[in-house]
């Protein structure tokens, strides 16, 4: 039984899983839309929304709280260019939105292995 076990394994080792999630989230914030499998989209969607919420809430914070927020996001992403984009471009767009920053649209099965494909994108207001 998998009681109190969070997250998706995605049939990968721990290091490969962390790298995959980090790369998918970076690409998601860089392009604001990615085409991936349903399982991978479900694995990163919650973390991406939490990152946007951290960035959004830091807009009205003190200077030390802003630094803390950037460090929290840097620990998950590790790329300064993407972090700057999240805090300066993406988060201000969702300043008045209480949540639900992403949308998943189903595309159908992939030809090679019939994996369910989806588009994960940021919601436009």
PDB file of N, CA and C in Angstrom:
ATOM      1  N   UNK A   1       0.829  -1.189   0.000  1.00  0.00           N
ATOM      2  CA  UNK A   1       0.000   0.000   0.000  1.00  0.00           C
ATOM      3  C   UNK A   1       0.872   1.250   0.000  1.00  0.00           C
ATOM      4  N   UNK A   2       0.363   2.309  -0.619  1.00  0.00           N
ATOM      5  CA  UNK A   2       1.131   3.542  -0.746  1.00  0.00           C
ATOM      6  C   UNK A   2       0.575   4.641   0.163  1.00  0.00           C
ATOM      7  N   UNK A   3       0.363   4.342   1.412  1.00  0.00           N
ATOM      8  CA  UNK A   3      -0.156   5.350   2.326  1.00  0.00           C
ATOM      9  C   UNK A   3       0.870   6.460   2.521  1.00  0.00           C
ATOM     10  N   UNK A   4       0.407   7.705   2.463  1.00  0.00           N
ATOM     11  CA  UNK A   4       1.241   8.889   2.701  1.00  0.00           C
ATOM     12  C   UNK A   4       2.456   8.972   1.791  1.00  0.00           C
ATOM     13  N   UNK A   5       2.341   8.490   0.557  1.00  0.00           N
ATOM     14  CA  UNK A   5       3.415   8.588  -0.418  1.00  0.00           C
ATOM     15  C   UNK A   5       2.961   9.585  -1.482  1.00  0.00           C
ATOM     16  N   UNK A   6       3.643  10.705  -1.563  1.00  0.00           N
ATOM     17  CA  UNK A   6       3.235  11.761  -2.480  1.00  0.00           C
ATOM     18  C   UNK A   6       4.086  11.743  -3.741  1.00  0.00           C
ATOM     19  N   UNK A   7       3.532  12.258  -4.825  1.00  0.00           N
ATOM     20  CA  UNK A   7       4.278  12.414  -6.058  1.00  0.00           C
ATOM     21  C   UNK A   7       4.167  11.223  -6.984  1.00  0.00           C
ATOM     22  N   UNK A   8       4.725  11.397  -8.164  1.00  0.00           N
ATOM     23  CA  UNK A   8       4.710  10.379  -9.202  1.00  0.00           C
ATOM     24  C   UNK A   8       6.126   9.870  -9.417  1.00  0.00           C
ATOM     25  N   UNK A   9       6.300   8.559  -9.509  1.00  0.00           N
ATOM     26  CA  UNK A   9       7.627   7.992  -9.721  1.00  0.00           C
ATOM     27  C   UNK A   9       8.069   8.111 -11.173  1.00  0.00           C
ATOM     28  N   UNK A  10       7.147   8.022 -12.101  1.00  0.00           N
ATOM     29  CA  UNK A  10       7.414   8.160 -13.534  1.00  0.00           C
ATOM     30  C   UNK A  10       8.417   7.123 -14.045  1.00  0.00           C
ATOM     31  N   UNK A  11       8.524   6.001 -13.349  1.00  0.00           N
ATOM     32  CA  UNK A  11       9.394   4.895 -13.758  1.00  0.00           C
ATOM     33  C   UNK A  11      10.850   5.341 -13.919  1.00  0.00           C
ATOM     34  N   UNK A  12      11.334   6.183 -12.997  1.00  0.00           N
ATOM     35  CA  UNK A  12      12.698   6.697 -13.039  1.00  0.00           C
ATOM     36  C   UNK A  12      13.332   6.621 -11.660  1.00  0.00           C
ATOM     37  N   UNK A  13      14.655   6.685 -11.651  1.00  0.00           N
ATOM     38  CA  UNK A  13      15.367   6.746 -10.383  1.00  0.00           C
ATOM     39  C   UNK A  13      15.170   8.130  -9.776  1.00  0.00           C
ATOM     40  N   UNK A  14      15.556   8.299  -8.523  1.00  0.00           N
ATOM     41  CA  UNK A  14      15.334   9.566  -7.828  1.00  0.00           C
ATOM     42  C   UNK A  14      16.009  10.736  -8.534  1.00  0.00           C
ATOM     43  N   UNK A  15      17.258  10.572  -8.912  1.00  0.00           N
ATOM     44  CA  UNK A  15      17.985  11.657  -9.567  1.00  0.00           C
ATOM     45  C   UNK A  15      17.403  12.006 -10.920  1.00  0.00           C
ATOM     46  N   UNK A  16      17.050  10.984 -11.692  1.00  0.00           N
ATOM     47  CA  UNK A  16      16.467  11.227 -13.006  1.00  0.00           C
ATOM     48  C   UNK A  16      15.104  11.890 -12.885  1.00  0.00           C
ATOM     49  N   UNK A  17      14.346  11.505 -11.864  1.00  0.00           N
ATOM     50  CA  UNK A  17      13.025  12.087 -11.636  1.00  0.00           C
ATOM     51  C   UNK A  17      13.136  13.561 -11.257  1.00  0.00           C
ATOM     52  N   UNK A  18      14.067  13.891 -10.380  1.00  0.00           N
ATOM     53  CA  UNK A  18      14.269  15.294  -9.988  1.00  0.00           C
ATOM     54  C   UNK A  18      14.713  16.133 -11.181  1.00  0.00           C
ATOM     55  N   UNK A  19      15.629  15.597 -11.985  1.00  0.00           N
ATOM     56  CA  UNK A  19      16.110  16.323 -13.155  1.00  0.00           C
ATOM     57  C   UNK A  19      14.996  16.525 -14.169  1.00  0.00           C
ATOM     58  N   UNK A  20      14.180  15.501 -14.379  1.00  0.00           N
ATOM     59  CA  UNK A  20      13.074  15.604 -15.316  1.00  0.00           C
ATOM     60  C   UNK A  20      12.085  16.682 -14.870  1.00  0.00           C
ATOM     61  N   UNK A  21      11.707  16.665 -13.600  1.00  0.00           N
ATOM     62  CA  UNK A  21      10.767  17.668 -13.090  1.00  0.00           C
ATOM     63  C   UNK A  21      11.336  19.070 -13.199  1.00  0.00           C
ATOM     64  N   UNK A  22      12.597  19.219 -12.831  1.00  0.00           N
ATOM     65  CA  UNK A  22      13.225  20.542 -12.900  1.00  0.00           C
ATOM     66  C   UNK A  22      13.268  21.048 -14.344  1.00  0.00           C
ATOM     67  N   UNK A  23      13.647  20.186 -15.280  1.00  0.00           N
ATOM     68  CA  UNK A  23      13.714  20.598 -16.685  1.00  0.00           C
ATOM     69  C   UNK A  23      12.335  20.907 -17.253  1.00  0.00           C
ATOM     70  N   UNK A  24      11.337  20.103 -16.901  1.00  0.00           N
ATOM     71  CA  UNK A  24       9.988  20.367 -17.397  1.00  0.00           C
ATOM     72  C   UNK A  24       9.449  21.693 -16.866  1.00  0.00           C
ATOM     73  N   UNK A  25       9.687  21.970 -15.590  1.00  0.00           N
ATOM     74  CA  UNK A  25       9.199  23.232 -15.019  1.00  0.00           C
ATOM     75  C   UNK A  25       9.928  24.418 -15.629  1.00  0.00           C
ATOM     76  N   UNK A  26      11.239  24.284 -15.851  1.00  0.00           N
ATOM     77  CA  UNK A  26      11.989  25.373 -16.495  1.00  0.00           C
ATOM     78  C   UNK A  26      11.453  25.645 -17.890  1.00  0.00           C
ATOM     79  N   UNK A  27      11.229  24.591 -18.666  1.00  0.00           N
ATOM     80  CA  UNK A  27      10.703  24.766 -20.019  1.00  0.00           C
ATOM     81  C   UNK A  27       9.294  25.351 -19.988  1.00  0.00           C
ATOM     82  N   UNK A  28       8.510  24.936 -19.000  1.00  0.00           N
ATOM     83  CA  UNK A  28       7.150  25.449 -18.871  1.00  0.00           C
ATOM     84  C   UNK A  28       7.161  26.957 -18.632  1.00  0.00           C
ATOM     85  N   UNK A  29       8.016  27.418 -17.737  1.00  0.00           N
ATOM     86  CA  UNK A  29       8.066  28.850 -17.463  1.00  0.00           C
ATOM     87  C   UNK A  29       8.741  29.621 -18.592  1.00  0.00           C
ATOM     88  N   UNK A  30       9.636  28.996 -19.307  1.00  0.00           N
ATOM     89  CA  UNK A  30      10.313  29.677 -20.410  1.00  0.00           C
ATOM     90  C   UNK A  30       9.368  29.872 -21.594  1.00  0.00           C
ATOM     91  N   UNK A  31       8.607  28.840 -21.941  1.00  0.00           N
ATOM     92  CA  UNK A  31       7.746  28.894 -23.128  1.00  0.00           C
ATOM     93  C   UNK A  31       6.275  29.135 -22.790  1.00  0.00           C
ATOM     94  N   UNK A  32       5.901  29.017 -21.519  1.00  0.00           N
ATOM     95  CA  UNK A  32       4.541  29.191 -21.018  1.00  0.00           C
ATOM     96  C   UNK A  32       3.566  28.154 -21.566  1.00  0.00           C
ATOM     97  N   UNK A  33       4.074  27.154 -22.245  1.00  0.00           N
ATOM     98  CA  UNK A  33       3.249  26.070 -22.777  1.00  0.00           C
ATOM     99  C   UNK A  33       4.173  24.924 -23.160  1.00  0.00           C
ATOM    100  N   UNK A  34       3.833  23.713 -22.704  1.00  0.00           N
ATOM    101  CA  UNK A  34       4.613  22.544 -23.105  1.00  0.00           C
ATOM    102  C   UNK A  34       3.673  21.415 -23.494  1.00  0.00           C
ATOM    103  N   UNK A  35       4.145  20.568 -24.375  1.00  0.00           N
ATOM    104  CA  UNK A  35       3.404  19.377 -24.806  1.00  0.00           C
ATOM    105  C   UNK A  35       4.120  18.184 -24.199  1.00  0.00           C
ATOM    106  N   UNK A  36       3.410  17.430 -23.371  1.00  0.00           N
ATOM    107  CA  UNK A  36       4.026  16.330 -22.654  1.00  0.00           C
ATOM    108  C   UNK A  36       2.968  15.260 -22.368  1.00  0.00           C
ATOM    109  N   UNK A  37       3.362  14.219 -21.662  1.00  0.00           N
ATOM    110  CA  UNK A  37       2.397  13.174 -21.322  1.00  0.00           C
ATOM    111  C   UNK A  37       1.543  13.632 -20.139  1.00  0.00           C
ATOM    112  N   UNK A  38       0.416  12.975 -19.982  1.00  0.00           N
ATOM    113  CA  UNK A  38      -0.520  13.331 -18.915  1.00  0.00           C
ATOM    114  C   UNK A  38       0.111  13.129 -17.540  1.00  0.00           C
ATOM    115  N   UNK A  39       0.874  12.052 -17.372  1.00  0.00           N
ATOM    116  CA  UNK A  39       1.498  11.765 -16.074  1.00  0.00           C
ATOM    117  C   UNK A  39       2.558  12.808 -15.721  1.00  0.00           C
ATOM    118  N   UNK A  40       3.370  13.206 -16.697  1.00  0.00           N
ATOM    119  CA  UNK A  40       4.395  14.218 -16.432  1.00  0.00           C
ATOM    120  C   UNK A  40       3.762  15.573 -16.140  1.00  0.00           C
ATOM    121  N   UNK A  41       2.691  15.910 -16.847  1.00  0.00           N
ATOM    122  CA  UNK A  41       1.997  17.174 -16.591  1.00  0.00           C
ATOM    123  C   UNK A  41       1.408  17.180 -15.180  1.00  0.00           C
ATOM    124  N   UNK A  42       0.833  16.067 -14.766  1.00  0.00           N
ATOM    125  CA  UNK A  42       0.265  15.976 -13.418  1.00  0.00           C
ATOM    126  C   UNK A  42       1.361  16.065 -12.367  1.00  0.00           C
ATOM    127  N   UNK A  43       2.554  15.549 -12.696  1.00  0.00           N
ATOM    128  CA  UNK A  43       3.660  15.563 -11.739  1.00  0.00           C
ATOM    129  C   UNK A  43       4.204  16.965 -11.501  1.00  0.00           C
ATOM    130  N   UNK A  44       4.147  17.841 -12.503  1.00  0.00           N
ATOM    131  CA  UNK A  44       4.750  19.173 -12.343  1.00  0.00           C
ATOM    132  C   UNK A  44       3.730  20.282 -12.139  1.00  0.00           C
ATOM    133  N   UNK A  45       2.482  20.021 -12.400  1.00  0.00           N
ATOM    134  CA  UNK A  45       1.485  21.088 -12.340  1.00  0.00           C
ATOM    135  C   UNK A  45       1.388  21.735 -10.959  1.00  0.00           C
ATOM    136  N   UNK A  46       1.311  20.942  -9.923  1.00  0.00           N
ATOM    137  CA  UNK A  46       1.189  21.483  -8.574  1.00  0.00           C
ATOM    138  C   UNK A  46       2.396  22.276  -8.154  1.00  0.00           C
ATOM    139  N   UNK A  47       3.580  21.780  -8.493  1.00  0.00           N
ATOM    140  CA  UNK A  47       4.806  22.488  -8.123  1.00  0.00           C
ATOM    141  C   UNK A  47       4.914  23.814  -8.879  1.00  0.00           C
ATOM    142  N   UNK A  48       4.525  23.822 -10.151  1.00  0.00           N
ATOM    143  CA  UNK A  48       4.558  25.057 -10.932  1.00  0.00           C
ATOM    144  C   UNK A  48       3.600  26.091 -10.348  1.00  0.00           C
ATOM    145  N   UNK A  49       2.424  25.652  -9.932  1.00  0.00           N
ATOM    146  CA  UNK A  49       1.466  26.589  -9.344  1.00  0.00           C
ATOM    147  C   UNK A  49       1.959  27.122  -8.005  1.00  0.00           C
ATOM    148  N   UNK A  50       2.621  26.277  -7.210  1.00  0.00           N
ATOM    149  CA  UNK A  50       3.181  26.747  -5.941  1.00  0.00           C
ATOM    150  C   UNK A  50       4.273  27.786  -6.175  1.00  0.00           C
ATOM    151  N   UNK A  51       5.092  27.596  -7.210  1.00  0.00           N
ATOM    152  CA  UNK A  51       6.145  28.567  -7.522  1.00  0.00           C
ATOM    153  C   UNK A  51       5.533  29.908  -7.913  1.00  0.00           C
ATOM    154  N   UNK A  52       4.481  29.884  -8.711  1.00  0.00           N
ATOM    155  CA  UNK A  52       3.815  31.129  -9.104  1.00  0.00           C
ATOM    156  C   UNK A  52       3.216  31.813  -7.881  1.00  0.00           C
ATOM    157  N   UNK A  53       2.631  31.047  -6.967  1.00  0.00           N
ATOM    158  CA  UNK A  53       2.049  31.623  -5.758  1.00  0.00           C
ATOM    159  C   UNK A  53       3.112  32.270  -4.881  1.00  0.00           C
ATOM    160  N   UNK A  54       4.255  31.614  -4.742  1.00  0.00           N
ATOM    161  CA  UNK A  54       5.360  32.194  -3.961  1.00  0.00           C
ATOM    162  C   UNK A  54       5.789  33.522  -4.581  1.00  0.00           C
ATOM    163  N   UNK A  55       5.940  33.540  -5.898  1.00  0.00           N
ATOM    164  CA  UNK A  55       6.365  34.762  -6.587  1.00  0.00           C
ATOM    165  C   UNK A  55       5.299  35.850  -6.487  1.00  0.00           C
ATOM    166  N   UNK A  56       4.047  35.468  -6.608  1.00  0.00           N
ATOM    167  CA  UNK A  56       2.952  36.433  -6.538  1.00  0.00           C
ATOM    168  C   UNK A  56       2.845  37.062  -5.158  1.00  0.00           C
ATOM    169  N   UNK A  57       2.976  36.245  -4.118  1.00  0.00           N
ATOM    170  CA  UNK A  57       2.857  36.758  -2.748  1.00  0.00           C
ATOM    171  C   UNK A  57       4.052  37.609  -2.335  1.00  0.00           C
ATOM    172  N   UNK A  58       5.193  37.428  -2.989  1.00  0.00           N
ATOM    173  CA  UNK A  58       6.375  38.202  -2.617  1.00  0.00           C
ATOM    174  C   UNK A  58       6.314  39.637  -3.136  1.00  0.00           C
ATOM    175  N   UNK A  59       5.377  39.945  -4.003  1.00  0.00           N
ATOM    176  CA  UNK A  59       5.291  41.297  -4.562  1.00  0.00           C
ATOM    177  C   UNK A  59       5.012  42.338  -3.475  1.00  0.00           C
ATOM    178  N   UNK A  60       4.214  41.983  -2.480  1.00  0.00           N
ATOM    179  CA  UNK A  60       3.852  42.924  -1.416  1.00  0.00           C
ATOM    180  C   UNK A  60       4.631  42.673  -0.134  1.00  0.00           C
ATOM    181  N   UNK A  61       5.721  41.941  -0.216  1.00  0.00           N
ATOM    182  CA  UNK A  61       6.476  41.555   0.971  1.00  0.00           C
ATOM    183  C   UNK A  61       7.617  42.536   1.237  1.00  0.00           C
ATOM    184  N   UNK A  62       8.250  42.344   2.390  1.00  0.00           N
ATOM    185  CA  UNK A  62       9.428  43.143   2.718  1.00  0.00           C
ATOM    186  C   UNK A  62      10.609  42.652   1.898  1.00  0.00           C
ATOM    187  N   UNK A  63      11.713  43.400   1.947  1.00  0.00           N
ATOM    188  CA  UNK A  63      12.884  43.040   1.160  1.00  0.00           C
ATOM    189  C   UNK A  63      13.445  41.677   1.556  1.00  0.00           C
ATOM    190  N   UNK A  64      13.487  41.401   2.845  1.00  0.00           N
ATOM    191  CA  UNK A  64      14.026  40.110   3.273  1.00  0.00           C
ATOM    192  C   UNK A  64      13.110  38.962   2.854  1.00  0.00           C
ATOM    193  N   UNK A  65      11.803  39.184   2.840  1.00  0.00           N
ATOM    194  CA  UNK A  65      10.869  38.149   2.396  1.00  0.00           C
ATOM    195  C   UNK A  65      10.970  37.931   0.892  1.00  0.00           C
ATOM    196  N   UNK A  66      11.269  39.000   0.135  1.00  0.00           N
ATOM    197  CA  UNK A  66      11.463  38.854  -1.310  1.00  0.00           C
ATOM    198  C   UNK A  66      12.688  37.999  -1.607  1.00  0.00           C
ATOM    199  N   UNK A  67      13.759  38.228  -0.852  1.00  0.00           N
ATOM    200  CA  UNK A  67      14.979  37.431  -1.027  1.00  0.00           C
ATOM    201  C   UNK A  67      14.700  35.973  -0.680  1.00  0.00           C
ATOM    202  N   UNK A  68      13.963  35.761   0.394  1.00  0.00           N
ATOM    203  CA  UNK A  68      13.614  34.403   0.803  1.00  0.00           C
ATOM    204  C   UNK A  68      12.793  33.704  -0.266  1.00  0.00           C
ATOM    205  N   UNK A  69      11.838  34.414  -0.856  1.00  0.00           N
ATOM    206  CA  UNK A  69      10.998  33.830  -1.901  1.00  0.00           C
ATOM    207  C   UNK A  69      11.841  33.440  -3.116  1.00  0.00           C
ATOM    208  N   UNK A  70      12.763  34.311  -3.502  1.00  0.00           N
ATOM    209  CA  UNK A  70      13.623  33.990  -4.647  1.00  0.00           C
ATOM    210  C   UNK A  70      14.519  32.794  -4.353  1.00  0.00           C
ATOM    211  N   UNK A  71      14.988  32.683  -3.111  1.00  0.00           N
ATOM    212  CA  UNK A  71      15.820  31.536  -2.751  1.00  0.00           C
ATOM    213  C   UNK A  71      15.016  30.240  -2.755  1.00  0.00           C
ATOM    214  N   UNK A  72      13.769  30.301  -2.298  1.00  0.00           N
ATOM    215  CA  UNK A  72      12.915  29.113  -2.332  1.00  0.00           C
ATOM    216  C   UNK A  72      12.697  28.631  -3.764  1.00  0.00           C
ATOM    217  N   UNK A  73      12.442  29.564  -4.670  1.00  0.00           N
ATOM    218  CA  UNK A  73      12.230  29.205  -6.069  1.00  0.00           C
ATOM    219  C   UNK A  73      13.544  28.754  -6.704  1.00  0.00           C
ATOM    220  N   UNK A  74      14.655  29.384  -6.330  1.00  0.00           N
ATOM    221  CA  UNK A  74      15.956  28.992  -6.876  1.00  0.00           C
ATOM    222  C   UNK A  74      16.317  27.567  -6.479  1.00  0.00           C
ATOM    223  N   UNK A  75      15.889  27.145  -5.302  1.00  0.00           N
ATOM    224  CA  UNK A  75      16.160  25.785  -4.864  1.00  0.00           C
ATOM    225  C   UNK A  75      15.430  24.770  -5.739  1.00  0.00           C
ATOM    226  N   UNK A  76      14.285  25.155  -6.283  1.00  0.00           N
ATOM    227  CA  UNK A  76      13.525  24.242  -7.133  1.00  0.00           C
ATOM    228  C   UNK A  76      13.932  24.327  -8.595  1.00  0.00           C
ATOM    229  N   UNK A  77      14.319  25.524  -9.061  1.00  0.00           N
ATOM    230  CA  UNK A  77      14.630  25.703 -10.479  1.00  0.00           C
ATOM    231  C   UNK A  77      16.123  25.761 -10.764  1.00  0.00           C
ATOM    232  N   UNK A  78      16.845  26.570 -10.015  1.00  0.00           N
ATOM    233  CA  UNK A  78      18.287  26.658 -10.181  1.00  0.00           C
ATOM    234  C   UNK A  78      18.766  27.499 -11.341  1.00  0.00           C
ATOM    235  N   UNK A  79      17.878  28.166 -12.063  1.00  0.00           N
ATOM    236  CA  UNK A  79      18.272  28.963 -13.222  1.00  0.00           C
ATOM    237  C   UNK A  79      17.824  30.402 -13.004  1.00  0.00           C
ATOM    238  N   UNK A  80      18.785  31.322 -12.900  1.00  0.00           N
ATOM    239  CA  UNK A  80      18.464  32.718 -12.585  1.00  0.00           C
ATOM    240  C   UNK A  80      17.622  33.397 -13.654  1.00  0.00           C
ATOM    241  N   UNK A  81      17.826  33.022 -14.920  1.00  0.00           N
ATOM    242  CA  UNK A  81      17.070  33.634 -16.005  1.00  0.00           C
ATOM    243  C   UNK A  81      15.579  33.289 -15.887  1.00  0.00           C
ATOM    244  N   UNK A  82      15.286  32.038 -15.563  1.00  0.00           N
ATOM    245  CA  UNK A  82      13.896  31.601 -15.414  1.00  0.00           C
ATOM    246  C   UNK A  82      13.284  32.205 -14.155  1.00  0.00           C
ATOM    247  N   UNK A  83      14.068  32.292 -13.082  1.00  0.00           N
ATOM    248  CA  UNK A  83      13.568  32.879 -11.833  1.00  0.00           C
ATOM    249  C   UNK A  83      13.184  34.338 -12.054  1.00  0.00           C
ATOM    250  N   UNK A  84      14.022  35.083 -12.759  1.00  0.00           N
ATOM    251  CA  UNK A  84      13.727  36.486 -13.058  1.00  0.00           C
ATOM    252  C   UNK A  84      12.448  36.598 -13.879  1.00  0.00           C
ATOM    253  N   UNK A  85      12.277  35.700 -14.829  1.00  0.00           N
ATOM    254  CA  UNK A  85      11.064  35.720 -15.661  1.00  0.00           C
ATOM    255  C   UNK A  85       9.813  35.429 -14.822  1.00  0.00           C
ATOM    256  N   UNK A  86       9.906  34.464 -13.924  1.00  0.00           N
ATOM    257  CA  UNK A  86       8.754  34.113 -13.078  1.00  0.00           C
ATOM    258  C   UNK A  86       8.360  35.293 -12.206  1.00  0.00           C
ATOM    259  N   UNK A  87       9.332  35.934 -11.570  1.00  0.00           N
ATOM    260  CA  UNK A  87       9.029  37.018 -10.634  1.00  0.00           C
ATOM    261  C   UNK A  87       8.652  38.318 -11.346  1.00  0.00           C
ATOM    262  N   UNK A  88       9.265  38.608 -12.489  1.00  0.00           N
ATOM    263  CA  UNK A  88       9.047  39.900 -13.139  1.00  0.00           C
ATOM    264  C   UNK A  88       7.952  39.895 -14.196  1.00  0.00           C
ATOM    265  N   UNK A  89       7.707  38.750 -14.850  1.00  0.00           N
ATOM    266  CA  UNK A  89       6.739  38.719 -15.946  1.00  0.00           C
ATOM    267  C   UNK A  89       5.501  37.881 -15.638  1.00  0.00           C
ATOM    268  N   UNK A  90       5.704  36.680 -15.126  1.00  0.00           N
ATOM    269  CA  UNK A  90       4.583  35.748 -14.971  1.00  0.00           C
ATOM    270  C   UNK A  90       3.745  36.060 -13.736  1.00  0.00           C
ATOM    271  N   UNK A  91       4.383  36.216 -12.574  1.00  0.00           N
ATOM    272  CA  UNK A  91       3.640  36.428 -11.323  1.00  0.00           C
ATOM    273  C   UNK A  91       2.768  37.683 -11.340  1.00  0.00           C
ATOM    274  N   UNK A  92       3.226  38.829 -11.867  1.00  0.00           N
ATOM    275  CA  UNK A  92       2.353  40.017 -11.869  1.00  0.00           C
ATOM    276  C   UNK A  92       1.058  39.837 -12.672  1.00  0.00           C
ATOM    277  N   UNK A  93       1.078  38.948 -13.658  1.00  0.00           N
ATOM    278  CA  UNK A  93      -0.136  38.697 -14.433  1.00  0.00           C
ATOM    279  C   UNK A  93      -1.238  38.061 -13.591  1.00  0.00           C
ATOM    280  N   UNK A  94      -0.833  37.312 -12.561  1.00  0.00           N
ATOM    281  CA  UNK A  94      -1.793  36.589 -11.736  1.00  0.00           C
ATOM    282  C   UNK A  94      -1.978  37.235 -10.367  1.00  0.00           C
ATOM    283  N   UNK A  95      -1.713  38.528 -10.262  1.00  0.00           N
ATOM    284  CA  UNK A  95      -1.777  39.217  -8.974  1.00  0.00           C
ATOM    285  C   UNK A  95      -3.178  39.169  -8.363  1.00  0.00           C
ATOM    286  N   UNK A  96      -4.202  39.205  -9.180  1.00  0.00           N
ATOM    287  CA  UNK A  96      -5.581  39.226  -8.666  1.00  0.00           C
ATOM    288  C   UNK A  96      -6.268  37.869  -8.774  1.00  0.00           C
ATOM    289  N   UNK A  97      -5.535  36.855  -9.152  1.00  0.00           N
ATOM    290  CA  UNK A  97      -6.120  35.519  -9.323  1.00  0.00           C
ATOM    291  C   UNK A  97      -5.785  34.660  -8.102  1.00  0.00           C
ATOM    292  N   UNK A  98      -6.774  34.045  -7.460  1.00  0.00           N
ATOM    293  CA  UNK A  98      -6.514  33.294  -6.228  1.00  0.00           C
ATOM    294  C   UNK A  98      -5.871  31.929  -6.444  1.00  0.00           C
ATOM    295  N   UNK A  99      -5.778  31.462  -7.656  1.00  0.00           N
ATOM    296  CA  UNK A  99      -5.167  30.162  -7.921  1.00  0.00           C
ATOM    297  C   UNK A  99      -5.583  29.690  -9.295  1.00  0.00           C
ATOM    298  N   UNK A 100      -5.216  28.469  -9.645  1.00  0.00           N
ATOM    299  CA  UNK A 100      -5.592  27.926 -10.947  1.00  0.00           C
ATOM    300  C   UNK A 100      -4.904  28.630 -12.087  1.00  0.00           C
ATOM    301  N   UNK A 101      -3.575  28.657 -12.038  1.00  0.00           N
ATOM    302  CA  UNK A 101      -2.806  29.398 -13.039  1.00  0.00           C
ATOM    303  C   UNK A 101      -2.531  28.582 -14.294  1.00  0.00           C
ATOM    304  N   UNK A 102      -2.764  27.268 -14.229  1.00  0.00           N
ATOM    305  CA  UNK A 102      -2.434  26.404 -15.355  1.00  0.00           C
ATOM    306  C   UNK A 102      -3.675  25.710 -15.892  1.00  0.00           C
ATOM    307  N   UNK A 103      -3.564  25.266 -17.138  1.00  0.00           N
ATOM    308  CA  UNK A 103      -4.648  24.550 -17.807  1.00  0.00           C
ATOM    309  C   UNK A 103      -4.033  23.339 -18.507  1.00  0.00           C
ATOM    310  N   UNK A 104      -4.743  22.209 -18.459  1.00  0.00           N
ATOM    311  CA  UNK A 104      -4.311  20.999 -19.144  1.00  0.00           C
ATOM    312  C   UNK A 104      -5.340  20.676 -20.219  1.00  0.00           C
ATOM    313  N   UNK A 105      -4.883  20.623 -21.471  1.00  0.00           N
ATOM    314  CA  UNK A 105      -5.764  20.284 -22.586  1.00  0.00           C
ATOM    315  C   UNK A 105      -5.324  18.948 -23.174  1.00  0.00           C
ATOM    316  N   UNK A 106      -6.248  18.023 -23.294  1.00  0.00           N
ATOM    317  CA  UNK A 106      -5.934  16.699 -23.813  1.00  0.00           C
ATOM    318  C   UNK A 106      -5.776  16.751 -25.324  1.00  0.00           C
ATOM    319  N   UNK A 107      -4.783  16.003 -25.831  1.00  0.00           N
ATOM    320  CA  UNK A 107      -4.534  15.944 -27.269  1.00  0.00           C
ATOM    321  C   UNK A 107      -4.873  14.587 -27.866  1.00  0.00           C
ATOM    322  N   UNK A 108      -4.864  13.548 -27.048  1.00  0.00           N
ATOM    323  CA  UNK A 108      -5.092  12.206 -27.560  1.00  0.00           C
ATOM    324  C   UNK A 108      -3.824  11.383 -27.427  1.00  0.00           C
ATOM    325  N   UNK A 109      -3.855  10.148 -27.888  1.00  0.00           N
ATOM    326  CA  UNK A 109      -2.696   9.263 -27.718  1.00  0.00           C
ATOM    327  C   UNK A 109      -1.553   9.584 -28.682  1.00  0.00           C
ATOM    328  N   UNK A 110      -0.338   9.349 -28.204  1.00  0.00           N
ATOM    329  CA  UNK A 110       0.855   9.499 -29.034  1.00  0.00           C
ATOM    330  C   UNK A 110       0.921   8.295 -29.962  1.00  0.00           C
ATOM    331  N   UNK A 111       1.411   8.488 -31.184  1.00  0.00           N
ATOM    332  CA  UNK A 111       1.411   7.413 -32.168  1.00  0.00           C
ATOM    333  C   UNK A 111       2.332   6.255 -31.781  1.00  0.00           C
ATOM    334  N   UNK A 112       3.489   6.538 -31.243  1.00  0.00           N
ATOM    335  CA  UNK A 112       4.462   5.481 -30.996  1.00  0.00           C
ATOM    336  C   UNK A 112       4.064   4.502 -29.910  1.00  0.00           C
ATOM    337  N   UNK A 113       3.570   5.004 -28.779  1.00  0.00           N
ATOM    338  CA  UNK A 113       3.306   4.122 -27.653  1.00  0.00           C
ATOM    339  C   UNK A 113       1.927   4.338 -27.026  1.00  0.00           C
ATOM    340  N   UNK A 114       1.091   5.115 -27.660  1.00  0.00           N
ATOM    341  CA  UNK A 114      -0.266   5.409 -27.189  1.00  0.00           C
ATOM    342  C   UNK A 114      -0.306   6.078 -25.821  1.00  0.00           C
ATOM    343  N   UNK A 115       0.759   6.779 -25.461  1.00  0.00           N
ATOM    344  CA  UNK A 115       0.740   7.544 -24.213  1.00  0.00           C
ATOM    345  C   UNK A 115      -0.195   8.741 -24.381  1.00  0.00           C
ATOM    346  N   UNK A 116      -1.000   9.021 -23.382  1.00  0.00           N
ATOM    347  CA  UNK A 116      -1.942  10.135 -23.436  1.00  0.00           C
ATOM    348  C   UNK A 116      -1.166  11.453 -23.405  1.00  0.00           C
ATOM    349  N   UNK A 117      -1.291  12.264 -24.445  1.00  0.00           N
ATOM    350  CA  UNK A 117      -0.568  13.523 -24.558  1.00  0.00           C
ATOM    351  C   UNK A 117      -1.471  14.694 -24.184  1.00  0.00           C
ATOM    352  N   UNK A 118      -0.872  15.709 -23.570  1.00  0.00           N
ATOM    353  CA  UNK A 118      -1.601  16.904 -23.152  1.00  0.00           C
ATOM    354  C   UNK A 118      -0.745  18.134 -23.417  1.00  0.00           C
ATOM    355  N   UNK A 119      -1.398  19.279 -23.421  1.00  0.00           N
ATOM    356  CA  UNK A 119      -0.697  20.566 -23.437  1.00  0.00           C
ATOM    357  C   UNK A 119      -0.930  21.199 -22.074  1.00  0.00           C
ATOM    358  N   UNK A 120       0.162  21.527 -21.396  1.00  0.00           N
ATOM    359  CA  UNK A 120       0.091  22.242 -20.123  1.00  0.00           C
ATOM    360  C   UNK A 120       0.470  23.683 -20.418  1.00  0.00           C
ATOM    361  N   UNK A 121      -0.419  24.623 -20.092  1.00  0.00           N
ATOM    362  CA  UNK A 121      -0.164  26.024 -20.411  1.00  0.00           C
ATOM    363  C   UNK A 121      -0.651  26.927 -19.299  1.00  0.00           C
ATOM    364  N   UNK A 122      -0.110  28.138 -19.291  1.00  0.00           N
ATOM    365  CA  UNK A 122      -0.570  29.160 -18.360  1.00  0.00           C
ATOM    366  C   UNK A 122      -1.897  29.718 -18.828  1.00  0.00           C
ATOM    367  N   UNK A 123      -2.783  29.990 -17.899  1.00  0.00           N
ATOM    368  CA  UNK A 123      -4.091  30.543 -18.217  1.00  0.00           C
ATOM    369  C   UNK A 123      -3.921  32.018 -18.566  1.00  0.00           C
ATOM    370  N   UNK A 124      -4.547  32.446 -19.634  1.00  0.00           N
ATOM    371  CA  UNK A 124      -4.548  33.866 -19.996  1.00  0.00           C
ATOM    372  C   UNK A 124      -5.815  34.477 -19.434  1.00  0.00           C
ATOM    373  N   UNK A 125      -5.683  35.618 -18.803  1.00  0.00           N
ATOM    374  CA  UNK A 125      -6.867  36.240 -18.182  1.00  0.00           C
ATOM    375  C   UNK A 125      -7.673  37.021 -19.165  1.00  0.00           C
TER     376      UNK A 125
END
